[in-house]
Structure formats: C-alpha cells, structure tokens
C-alpha cells in the first residue's frame, strides 16, 4: 500500500476529537476572530461582549459562530455534551443536553442563560447527525418558541430545511426557506439569510438542470461575493457539483480548490469542497482503462473522502457519503480489508444512513 493511502487510513482511524475551548471567542464571517472577556448576549440581530471595562457589539450578520468559555464548574455537563459531539457520539450527547436543560437553577442565572439556546441548537445538530430528521424539526421549533430572538434562529431553520430535503420533502423544505425569507423582512434578520434562502430554493428546483442550473448558481455567487462571502462560497461549491455532473472535472476542481484558499468559509462549505475534490478524482479514476492508471486517482479520492469523514463528522449528508466512496475506492484499489474497516466505522457512526447499507451490499457484508 502506498504511503499516501496509509496516511489516509491513519487519519480516518486516529484523528483526535476536538476539545471544548476554555475562552470566549467570536468568529467573524471575514475569517478573523475576536477574543473577549465575556459574551453578554447572542441574538439574531447582534452579539454583545465585554473586553476589560468596555462593552462592544458585532452585528449578527458579521458573526459566523460563537465559542464559549466552558471552564466553569456549573458547565461541566454541558462541556461533556460538547466533547461527546466532537467525538461523534451524538446519541449520548443529545441525552446530556436534555439533562442540562432540566437544571433550571443554573439556567435562571443570568451568567448561564445562553446555555438554553446553545443546548437546544446542539440537540438539533445531534439529531441531524444521527439521522433523526423528524426530530430536528421538533427541536428547532422548541428553540424558536423558547428563545424567540436566538442567535441560531436562521441556522436552525436552515437545518430544518436541509432535514426535510434529506427526507425527500422538497415542498416542506421550500416552505421553510420561504419562512426564513419572510422573517428577514418581518423580524429584521440579517440580509444574509435572504440570500441563503434563495440559494437553498434554487438547489431544490428540479426544473433547473444543466447549463441553466450552473448559470443560476453562478449568479448567486457573483451577487454575494462582496457583501456575503459565505453565501458566495456555498454557491460556488454547488457550481462545482454541477460541473461534476456535467463531467467537467477540470472546471469543478478549480472551483473546489479556490474555496480551500479562502479565509471566510464555513466548515460545512470546506467539507463540501473537499468532498467535491474527491468526486473529481473518483470519476476520473473510473474513466481510466487499467488499474495502474486508476491507482493515483483513487488514492487522491480516498484521502479527500476520509478527510471529510474524519474532520467533518457532523456533516451528516457529506460524511456518510464520503465514507461510502472511500470504501468503494479502497475496494477498487484492491484493499478489501481497508474497505471493510471503513464499512464497520460507517455502521458505528451512521447506522441509519442509506450509504451504510449500500456499502455493506457492495462488499457483500451482513449488517
């Protein structure tokens, strides 16, 4: 086995889980971070904070994510839930966050009011990652009801729309995007989410195919590149995916590689770009006539797919799919043992995913 293939398998098996961070950090959409002493509030309009004796704020549309200091003893259970999520143990993490929400004495303290919205949003993410798409909608609605001005208002609706898309409920997903678009106007949500809703709706439009689809996505990317770079990056990834479907692997690779060079890119977009690079190498390998020509391309595909599976495990649409293609590529490479290892890991993490059954069938394994 080549050194690069061995490295890919080691990455998949040994990548350490992230550890909960013990400092307050505001991650901005331009790729920079802001360390603060305290985060005071998080709403869908702004994030307020304290540095030294002075207070400040950032418009929510400029904030990509917020990392909280979890060093306080009162946050031990919440921190444990975060660590379980980082390790890919979503089912147990969900129950931990449920228990956290039962600690009313802690949640009533102004210092820890934020825990409620963070716990509910993480619960929805756990359900999403575990494949419980119906549960996602229930938890998202609880979040929006219990914390109406939550910072996670739009991300939660985006997750619900994606969950409905996974279930094949396109009309339901479209309705969620429409609600999000309307809420931008009626509630004053950042304009960024109007653009996200537009992109999501385009991706659901089955009437848009081929060149028309690519042009629509490129239009979204161009329109948002200056003011909303995260939306533009997501649109360009989808342009790359459309080019893969059109078998323009060179053009697709250029789109995906450009994403990896950008600073203001969300982790889900990075994962999609890396997965797209894997798609390019995989399909190019299949176009070759003999195994000798296929092998370097299969190695590249395996490395990309296992990077997605290892580093971006919460991306429940991308990670199981990436593991399937990694296993299939390993089989084509001639490493049946490696393919079976990937299948076993896929079953452990995403037992309910259709990609799991597909890989087990491909390898003639029993579930």
Protein backbone atom coordinates (compact mmCIF):
# COMPACT_ATOMS: atom_id res chain seq x y z
CA UNK A 1 0.00 0.00 0.00
CA UNK A 2 1.31 3.45 -0.85
CA UNK A 3 2.37 5.93 1.82
CA UNK A 4 -0.42 8.36 0.94
CA UNK A 5 -3.07 5.65 1.25
CA UNK A 6 -1.66 4.52 4.58
CA UNK A 7 -1.74 8.13 5.76
CA UNK A 8 -5.37 8.45 4.73
CA UNK A 9 -6.39 5.40 6.72
CA UNK A 10 -4.43 6.59 9.74
CA UNK A 11 -6.15 9.96 9.50
CA UNK A 12 -9.52 8.24 9.47
CA UNK A 13 -8.70 6.00 12.42
CA UNK A 14 -6.70 8.30 14.66
CA UNK A 15 -7.88 11.88 14.16
CA UNK A 16 -8.41 13.21 17.69
CA UNK A 17 -11.70 14.63 18.81
CA UNK A 18 -11.70 18.36 19.31
CA UNK A 19 -11.68 19.57 22.89
CA UNK A 20 -14.06 22.13 24.30
CA UNK A 21 -12.44 25.54 24.36
CA UNK A 22 -11.94 27.48 27.60
CA UNK A 23 -12.13 31.01 26.24
CA UNK A 24 -14.74 33.30 24.73
CA UNK A 25 -14.19 33.76 21.00
CA UNK A 26 -16.36 35.44 18.37
CA UNK A 27 -15.68 34.03 14.91
CA UNK A 28 -16.41 36.55 12.17
CA UNK A 29 -17.51 35.95 8.59
CA UNK A 30 -14.36 37.59 7.22
CA UNK A 31 -12.27 34.77 8.71
CA UNK A 32 -10.97 36.71 11.73
CA UNK A 33 -11.63 36.02 15.41
CA UNK A 34 -12.23 38.26 18.38
CA UNK A 35 -11.26 37.07 21.88
CA UNK A 36 -13.33 38.70 24.61
CA UNK A 37 -13.65 38.50 28.39
CA UNK A 38 -17.40 37.92 28.39
CA UNK A 39 -20.12 37.38 25.84
CA UNK A 40 -23.15 39.24 27.13
CA UNK A 41 -25.92 38.44 24.65
CA UNK A 42 -26.45 36.48 21.43
CA UNK A 43 -29.47 37.36 19.32
CA UNK A 44 -30.26 37.23 15.63
CA UNK A 45 -29.50 40.95 15.41
CA UNK A 46 -26.25 41.26 17.35
CA UNK A 47 -23.69 39.71 19.68
CA UNK A 48 -22.64 41.90 22.59
CA UNK A 49 -19.49 41.40 24.65
CA UNK A 50 -17.18 42.87 27.24
CA UNK A 51 -13.43 43.41 26.96
CA UNK A 52 -11.85 44.79 30.07
CA UNK A 53 -14.07 47.60 31.35
CA UNK A 54 -15.67 48.41 27.98
CA UNK A 55 -18.57 46.83 26.16
CA UNK A 56 -18.90 46.27 22.43
CA UNK A 57 -21.07 44.55 19.85
CA UNK A 58 -20.98 42.94 16.43
CA UNK A 59 -23.93 42.78 14.03
CA UNK A 60 -25.12 39.18 13.80
CA UNK A 61 -24.61 39.22 10.03
CA UNK A 62 -20.86 39.58 10.67
CA UNK A 63 -20.72 36.70 13.16
CA UNK A 64 -20.13 33.18 11.90
CA UNK A 65 -20.09 31.43 15.27
CA UNK A 66 -19.53 31.99 18.98
CA UNK A 67 -17.31 29.81 21.17
CA UNK A 68 -17.98 30.00 24.89
CA UNK A 69 -15.61 29.59 27.83
CA UNK A 70 -16.66 26.27 29.38
CA UNK A 71 -14.22 26.19 32.30
CA UNK A 72 -16.83 26.95 35.00
CA UNK A 73 -17.84 24.05 37.25
CA UNK A 74 -21.53 24.74 36.53
CA UNK A 75 -20.89 23.95 32.85
CA UNK A 76 -19.30 20.52 33.35
CA UNK A 77 -22.31 18.61 31.99
CA UNK A 78 -22.72 20.94 29.02
CA UNK A 79 -19.00 20.70 28.29
CA UNK A 80 -19.23 16.90 28.43
CA UNK A 81 -22.02 17.02 25.84
CA UNK A 82 -19.85 19.18 23.57
CA UNK A 83 -16.97 16.72 23.90
CA UNK A 84 -19.29 13.81 23.06
CA UNK A 85 -20.40 15.63 19.91
CA UNK A 86 -16.79 16.25 18.95
CA UNK A 87 -16.16 12.52 19.35
CA UNK A 88 -19.12 11.67 17.11
CA UNK A 89 -21.24 10.20 19.92
CA UNK A 90 -24.35 12.14 19.01
CA UNK A 91 -26.98 9.94 20.71
CA UNK A 92 -25.40 10.20 24.16
CA UNK A 93 -24.62 13.90 23.66
CA UNK A 94 -28.31 14.50 22.96
CA UNK A 95 -29.32 12.97 26.30
CA UNK A 96 -26.68 15.01 28.12
CA UNK A 97 -28.06 18.26 26.68
CA UNK A 98 -31.56 17.14 27.67
CA UNK A 99 -30.32 16.76 31.24
CA UNK A 100 -28.63 20.18 31.09
CA UNK A 101 -31.97 21.77 30.18
CA UNK A 102 -33.53 20.27 33.31
CA UNK A 103 -31.16 22.22 35.54
CA UNK A 104 -33.47 25.21 35.98
CA UNK A 105 -31.48 26.72 38.84
CA UNK A 106 -28.46 27.06 36.56
CA UNK A 107 -30.40 28.31 33.53
CA UNK A 108 -32.10 31.05 35.59
CA UNK A 109 -28.76 32.62 36.40
CA UNK A 110 -28.04 35.46 34.00
CA UNK A 111 -24.48 34.22 33.51
CA UNK A 112 -25.76 30.95 32.03
CA UNK A 113 -28.96 31.95 30.23
CA UNK A 114 -27.14 31.35 26.96
CA UNK A 115 -26.90 27.63 27.71
CA UNK A 116 -30.56 27.09 26.80
CA UNK A 117 -30.30 28.21 23.18
CA UNK A 118 -26.93 26.54 22.72
CA UNK A 119 -28.19 23.25 24.16
CA UNK A 120 -31.34 23.20 22.03
CA UNK A 121 -29.39 24.02 18.88
CA UNK A 122 -26.84 21.32 19.70
CA UNK A 123 -29.64 18.84 20.31
CA UNK A 124 -30.99 19.55 16.83
CA UNK A 125 -27.48 19.10 15.41
CA UNK A 126 -27.17 15.78 17.24
CA UNK A 127 -30.46 14.59 15.77
CA UNK A 128 -29.39 15.77 12.33
CA UNK A 129 -26.06 13.97 12.62
CA UNK A 130 -27.71 10.80 13.93
CA UNK A 131 -30.20 10.79 11.06
CA UNK A 132 -33.30 11.71 13.11
CA UNK A 133 -34.63 14.25 10.62
CA UNK A 134 -38.16 14.37 12.04
CA UNK A 135 -36.69 15.09 15.46
CA UNK A 136 -34.76 18.01 14.01
CA UNK A 137 -37.97 19.86 13.15
CA UNK A 138 -39.42 19.28 16.62
CA UNK A 139 -36.30 20.58 18.38
CA UNK A 140 -35.93 23.56 16.04
CA UNK A 141 -39.50 24.62 16.79
CA UNK A 142 -38.83 24.28 20.53
CA UNK A 143 -35.77 26.52 20.15
CA UNK A 144 -37.64 29.22 18.23
CA UNK A 145 -40.51 29.08 20.70
CA UNK A 146 -38.42 29.12 23.88
CA UNK A 147 -35.80 31.64 22.69
CA UNK A 148 -37.54 33.75 20.01
CA UNK A 149 -34.56 36.05 19.45
CA UNK A 150 -31.96 33.27 19.44
CA UNK A 151 -28.73 33.83 17.54
CA UNK A 152 -29.42 30.42 15.97
CA UNK A 153 -32.79 31.47 14.52
CA UNK A 154 -31.73 31.33 10.88
CA UNK A 155 -29.19 28.48 11.17
CA UNK A 156 -31.86 26.39 12.89
CA UNK A 157 -34.35 26.99 10.07
CA UNK A 158 -31.62 26.20 7.53
CA UNK A 159 -31.03 22.91 9.33
CA UNK A 160 -34.73 22.13 9.35
CA UNK A 161 -34.96 22.82 5.61
CA UNK A 162 -32.00 20.56 4.97
CA UNK A 163 -33.53 17.84 7.15
CA UNK A 164 -36.72 17.96 5.09
CA UNK A 165 -34.65 17.83 1.92
CA UNK A 166 -32.90 14.69 3.20
CA UNK A 167 -36.31 13.11 3.84
CA UNK A 168 -37.34 13.93 0.28
CA UNK A 169 -39.87 16.54 1.39
CA UNK A 170 -39.00 19.22 -1.14
CA UNK A 171 -42.22 21.15 -0.64
CA UNK A 172 -41.64 21.20 3.11
CA UNK A 173 -38.06 22.36 2.65
CA UNK A 174 -39.18 25.08 0.23
CA UNK A 175 -41.76 26.26 2.77
CA UNK A 176 -39.05 26.58 5.44
CA UNK A 177 -36.88 28.64 3.10
CA UNK A 178 -39.90 30.84 2.33
CA UNK A 179 -40.47 31.35 6.06
CA UNK A 180 -36.83 32.29 6.52
CA UNK A 181 -37.04 34.77 3.65
CA UNK A 182 -40.19 36.32 5.10
CA UNK A 183 -38.62 36.55 8.56
CA UNK A 184 -35.75 38.57 7.16
CA UNK A 185 -38.30 41.25 6.30
CA UNK A 186 -40.69 40.87 9.24
CA UNK A 187 -38.25 40.22 12.09
CA UNK A 188 -35.20 42.08 10.89
CA UNK A 189 -32.96 39.05 10.44
CA UNK A 190 -29.67 39.82 8.68
CA UNK A 191 -29.99 40.07 4.88
CA UNK A 192 -27.50 37.24 4.54
CA UNK A 193 -30.27 34.75 5.31
CA UNK A 194 -32.42 36.03 2.46
CA UNK A 195 -29.55 35.11 0.16
CA UNK A 196 -29.14 31.71 1.84
CA UNK A 197 -32.84 31.04 1.37
CA UNK A 198 -32.53 31.99 -2.31
CA UNK A 199 -29.65 29.54 -2.77
CA UNK A 200 -31.49 26.77 -0.94
CA UNK A 201 -34.57 27.27 -3.10
CA UNK A 202 -32.51 27.07 -6.30
CA UNK A 203 -30.99 23.78 -5.14
CA UNK A 204 -34.48 22.37 -4.61
CA UNK A 205 -35.73 23.42 -8.05
CA UNK A 206 -35.72 20.24 -10.13
CA UNK A 207 -36.72 22.24 -13.22
CA UNK A 208 -33.26 23.86 -13.23
CA UNK A 209 -30.88 21.44 -14.92
CA UNK A 210 -27.61 21.52 -16.81
CA UNK A 211 -26.40 24.90 -18.01
CA UNK A 212 -29.41 26.74 -16.59
CA UNK A 213 -28.67 25.40 -13.11
CA UNK A 214 -24.99 26.31 -13.36
CA UNK A 215 -25.84 29.83 -14.52
CA UNK A 216 -28.33 30.34 -11.70
CA UNK A 217 -25.78 29.23 -9.11
CA UNK A 218 -23.04 31.37 -10.63
CA UNK A 219 -25.44 34.31 -10.47
CA UNK A 220 -25.93 33.77 -6.73
CA UNK A 221 -22.17 33.51 -6.22
CA UNK A 222 -21.45 36.70 -8.14
CA UNK A 223 -24.22 38.64 -6.40
CA UNK A 224 -22.94 37.79 -2.92
CA UNK A 225 -19.17 37.72 -3.32
CA UNK A 226 -18.55 41.17 -1.80
CA UNK A 227 -21.18 41.56 0.90
CA UNK A 228 -21.93 37.93 1.80
CA UNK A 229 -18.82 35.86 1.03
CA UNK A 230 -20.01 32.79 2.94
CA UNK A 231 -23.11 32.59 0.72
CA UNK A 232 -20.97 33.10 -2.38
CA UNK A 233 -18.64 30.29 -1.31
CA UNK A 234 -21.53 27.88 -0.84
CA UNK A 235 -22.89 28.80 -4.25
CA UNK A 236 -19.50 28.20 -5.88
CA UNK A 237 -19.30 24.76 -4.30
CA UNK A 238 -22.68 23.98 -5.85
CA UNK A 239 -21.37 25.25 -9.20
CA UNK A 240 -18.55 22.75 -8.80
CA UNK A 241 -21.03 19.98 -8.06
CA UNK A 242 -22.98 20.88 -11.19
CA UNK A 243 -19.78 20.71 -13.23
CA UNK A 244 -19.04 17.26 -11.79
CA UNK A 245 -22.47 16.14 -13.01
CA UNK A 246 -21.55 17.56 -16.42
CA UNK A 247 -18.23 15.60 -16.29
CA UNK A 248 -16.21 18.82 -16.43
CA UNK A 249 -13.82 17.65 -13.72
CA UNK A 250 -11.15 20.21 -14.50
CA UNK A 251 -13.58 23.10 -14.13
CA UNK A 252 -15.06 21.59 -10.99
CA UNK A 253 -11.64 21.08 -9.40
CA UNK A 254 -10.77 24.72 -9.99
CA UNK A 255 -13.94 25.79 -8.13
CA UNK A 256 -13.30 23.46 -5.20
CA UNK A 257 -9.62 24.33 -4.82
CA UNK A 258 -10.41 28.05 -4.85
CA UNK A 259 -12.74 27.52 -1.87
CA UNK A 260 -9.94 25.92 0.16
CA UNK A 261 -7.79 29.02 -0.32
CA UNK A 262 -10.36 31.38 1.17
CA UNK A 263 -10.41 32.61 4.76
CA UNK A 264 -14.13 33.33 5.22
CA UNK A 265 -15.53 29.86 4.61
CA UNK A 266 -17.80 27.87 6.92
CA UNK A 267 -16.75 24.36 7.90
CA UNK A 268 -19.70 22.83 6.04
CA UNK A 269 -18.57 24.59 2.86
CA UNK A 270 -14.98 23.40 3.34
CA UNK A 271 -16.23 19.86 3.80
CA UNK A 272 -18.31 20.12 0.63
CA UNK A 273 -15.33 21.41 -1.36
CA UNK A 274 -13.07 18.59 -0.16
CA UNK A 275 -15.78 16.06 -0.93
CA UNK A 276 -16.09 17.61 -4.38
CA UNK A 277 -12.37 17.13 -4.98
CA UNK A 278 -12.85 13.50 -4.02
CA UNK A 279 -15.67 13.23 -6.55
CA UNK A 280 -13.42 14.60 -9.29
CA UNK A 281 -10.62 12.13 -8.58
CA UNK A 282 -13.04 9.21 -8.19
CA UNK A 283 -14.82 9.78 -11.51
CA UNK A 284 -11.55 10.46 -13.31
CA UNK A 285 -10.25 7.13 -11.97
CA UNK A 286 -13.26 5.28 -13.29
CA UNK A 287 -12.64 6.78 -16.71
CA UNK A 288 -9.19 5.13 -16.90
CA UNK A 289 -8.75 1.81 -18.70
CA UNK A 290 -6.44 -0.01 -16.26
CA UNK A 291 -5.79 -0.18 -12.53
CA UNK A 292 -2.27 1.25 -12.79
CA UNK A 293 -3.71 4.48 -14.19
CA UNK A 294 -6.57 4.43 -11.70
CA UNK A 295 -4.49 3.99 -8.54
CA UNK A 296 -3.08 7.51 -8.06
CA UNK A 297 -6.52 8.97 -8.67
CA UNK A 298 -8.13 6.50 -6.28
CA UNK A 299 -5.54 7.39 -3.64
CA UNK A 300 -6.38 11.07 -4.02
CA UNK A 301 -10.10 10.28 -3.76
CA UNK A 302 -9.61 8.16 -0.64
CA UNK A 303 -7.59 10.88 1.08
CA UNK A 304 -10.24 13.50 0.32
CA UNK A 305 -13.18 11.33 1.34
CA UNK A 306 -11.57 10.16 4.57
CA UNK A 307 -10.65 13.74 5.43
CA UNK A 308 -14.35 14.61 5.21
CA UNK A 309 -15.30 11.53 7.24
CA UNK A 310 -12.73 12.25 9.95
CA UNK A 311 -12.75 16.01 10.33
CA UNK A 312 -16.36 16.82 9.42
CA UNK A 313 -18.35 14.04 11.08
CA UNK A 314 -21.29 16.29 11.91
CA UNK A 315 -21.95 16.88 8.22
CA UNK A 316 -24.44 14.04 8.11
CA UNK A 317 -25.11 14.40 4.38
CA UNK A 318 -21.46 14.55 3.38
CA UNK A 319 -19.70 12.28 5.90
CA UNK A 320 -21.62 9.02 5.31
CA UNK A 321 -21.49 9.56 1.56
CA UNK A 322 -17.75 10.23 1.77
CA UNK A 323 -17.25 7.02 3.74
CA UNK A 324 -19.17 5.05 1.12
CA UNK A 325 -17.00 6.38 -1.69
CA UNK A 326 -13.83 5.86 0.37
CA UNK A 327 -14.83 2.23 0.91
CA UNK A 328 -15.74 1.75 -2.73
CA UNK A 329 -12.44 3.36 -3.81
CA UNK A 330 -10.49 1.08 -1.45
CA UNK A 331 -12.24 -1.93 -2.94
CA UNK A 332 -11.38 -0.81 -6.46
CA UNK A 333 -7.80 -0.17 -5.32
CA UNK A 334 -7.59 -3.77 -4.14
CA UNK A 335 -7.63 -3.14 -0.39
CA UNK A 336 -10.66 -5.14 0.74
CA UNK A 337 -9.54 -5.07 4.37
CA UNK A 338 -9.41 -1.28 4.36
CA UNK A 339 -12.83 -1.13 2.72
CA UNK A 340 -14.28 -3.36 5.44
CA UNK A 341 -12.75 -1.16 8.14
CA UNK A 342 -14.47 1.86 6.64
CA UNK A 343 -17.76 -0.07 6.46
CA UNK A 344 -17.52 -1.00 10.14
CA UNK A 345 -16.86 2.61 11.09
CA UNK A 346 -19.71 3.79 8.88
CA UNK A 347 -22.11 1.42 10.63
CA UNK A 348 -20.95 2.58 14.05
CA UNK A 349 -21.39 6.28 13.32
CA UNK A 350 -24.27 6.34 10.83
CA UNK A 351 -26.18 3.08 11.16
CA UNK A 352 -29.38 4.60 9.76
CA UNK A 353 -27.77 6.13 6.69
CA UNK A 354 -28.67 4.57 3.32
CA UNK A 355 -24.97 4.87 2.43
CA UNK A 356 -24.22 2.29 5.13
CA UNK A 357 -26.43 -0.36 3.61
CA UNK A 358 -25.15 0.48 0.15
CA UNK A 359 -21.51 -0.09 1.16
CA UNK A 360 -22.33 -3.28 3.03
CA UNK A 361 -24.14 -4.58 -0.07
CA UNK A 362 -21.20 -3.51 -2.26
CA UNK A 363 -18.80 -5.51 -0.08
CA UNK A 364 -21.20 -8.46 0.39
CA UNK A 365 -21.25 -7.90 4.16
CA UNK A 366 -24.08 -8.53 6.60
CA UNK A 367 -25.38 -5.55 8.56
